[in-house]
Amino acid sequence: MALKFLGIYPNTPDDGSPTIWLDDVTGDLVIQSYKADEATVREAQEVGSVPGHSTDVPDHETVIRLPANMLQFIPRPEDNTRGNSGS
């Protein structure tokens, strides 16, 4: 795995803030962000996804809330530039 820093929440303090990295080998995004509160998790479970798919969150997964201004750091196929401090 070779992680590449993509971005961090703008004007963040020095500890605990949303951050996004790209795994250059798999193309996966690795995201540090806020845990969704119980109300958000319940609402996500009520809305569901596809018919017949469980709405339970397995122990090895979690639901995060990614601030909207972090979407700018998610790579798109047409993007040739990556990596930004967001400030």
Protein backbone atom coordinates (compact mmCIF):
# COMPACT_ATOMS: atom_id res chain seq x y z
CA MET A 1 0.00 0.00 0.00
CA ALA A 2 1.29 3.42 -0.96
CA LEU A 3 -0.86 6.18 0.49
CA LYS A 4 -0.84 9.62 -1.07
CA PHE A 5 -2.18 12.58 0.91
CA LEU A 6 -5.07 14.31 -0.89
CA GLY A 7 -6.42 16.88 1.53
CA ILE A 8 -7.29 17.94 5.04
CA TYR A 9 -10.20 19.98 6.42
CA PRO A 10 -9.32 23.63 5.74
CA ASN A 11 -8.07 25.73 8.66
CA THR A 12 -7.99 22.69 10.90
CA PRO A 13 -6.47 22.60 14.36
CA ASP A 14 -3.47 20.35 14.95
CA ASP A 15 -5.40 17.32 16.16
CA GLY A 16 -8.28 15.20 14.86
CA SER A 17 -9.69 16.50 11.61
CA PRO A 18 -11.12 15.02 8.41
CA THR A 19 -8.33 13.88 6.12
CA ILE A 20 -8.32 11.95 2.84
CA TRP A 21 -5.60 9.75 1.33
CA LEU A 22 -5.49 7.71 -1.90
CA ASP A 23 -4.05 4.20 -2.03
CA ASP A 24 -2.00 4.40 -5.23
CA VAL A 25 -2.01 0.61 -5.58
CA THR A 26 -5.74 -0.11 -5.29
CA GLY A 27 -7.28 3.31 -5.98
CA ASP A 28 -9.14 3.10 -2.65
CA LEU A 29 -9.79 6.21 -0.61
CA VAL A 30 -8.77 6.15 3.05
CA ILE A 31 -10.83 8.65 5.02
CA GLN A 32 -10.51 9.94 8.57
CA SER A 33 -13.64 11.82 9.55
CA TYR A 34 -16.30 12.25 12.19
CA LYS A 35 -18.27 9.23 13.35
CA ALA A 36 -21.90 9.66 12.44
CA ASP A 37 -24.15 10.09 15.47
CA GLU A 38 -26.78 7.48 16.32
CA ALA A 39 -29.58 9.51 14.74
CA THR A 40 -27.70 9.62 11.43
CA VAL A 41 -26.96 5.88 11.54
CA ARG A 42 -30.64 5.13 12.26
CA GLU A 43 -31.77 7.36 9.41
CA ALA A 44 -29.31 5.69 7.02
CA GLN A 45 -30.68 2.31 8.10
CA GLU A 46 -34.26 3.50 7.53
CA VAL A 47 -33.46 4.84 4.06
CA GLY A 48 -31.51 1.68 3.17
CA SER A 49 -29.68 1.13 -0.10
CA VAL A 50 -30.79 -1.65 -2.44
CA PRO A 51 -33.74 -4.00 -1.93
CA GLY A 52 -32.83 -7.02 0.16
CA HIS A 53 -29.52 -5.62 1.43
CA SER A 54 -29.07 -5.57 5.19
CA THR A 55 -29.07 -2.16 6.86
CA ASP A 56 -26.98 -3.41 9.79
CA VAL A 57 -23.49 -1.96 10.11
CA PRO A 58 -21.03 -4.86 10.58
CA ASP A 59 -18.48 -4.67 13.39
CA HIS A 60 -15.65 -4.17 10.90
CA GLU A 61 -17.36 -1.11 9.34
CA THR A 62 -18.60 2.27 10.58
CA VAL A 63 -20.63 5.18 9.28
CA ILE A 64 -18.73 8.44 8.94
CA ARG A 65 -19.91 11.96 8.18
CA LEU A 66 -17.67 13.68 5.64
CA PRO A 67 -18.03 17.47 5.61
CA ALA A 68 -19.21 18.78 2.22
CA ASN A 69 -16.10 20.92 1.72
CA MET A 70 -14.00 17.73 1.76
CA LEU A 71 -15.61 16.54 -1.51
CA GLN A 72 -13.17 18.78 -3.38
CA PHE A 73 -10.37 16.35 -2.49
CA ILE A 74 -12.04 13.22 -3.89
CA PRO A 75 -10.32 12.39 -7.18
CA ARG A 76 -12.35 12.19 -10.36
CA PRO A 77 -11.27 10.40 -13.55
CA GLU A 78 -10.61 13.71 -15.34
CA ASP A 79 -8.36 14.97 -12.51
CA ASN A 80 -4.65 14.87 -13.17
CA THR A 81 -3.66 16.77 -10.03
CA ARG A 82 -3.96 15.46 -6.51
CA GLY A 83 -2.83 16.63 -3.13
CA ASN A 84 -3.83 19.86 -1.49
CA SER A 85 -3.72 21.29 1.97
CA GLY A 86 -7.17 22.82 1.52
CA SER A 87 -6.07 26.15 2.90
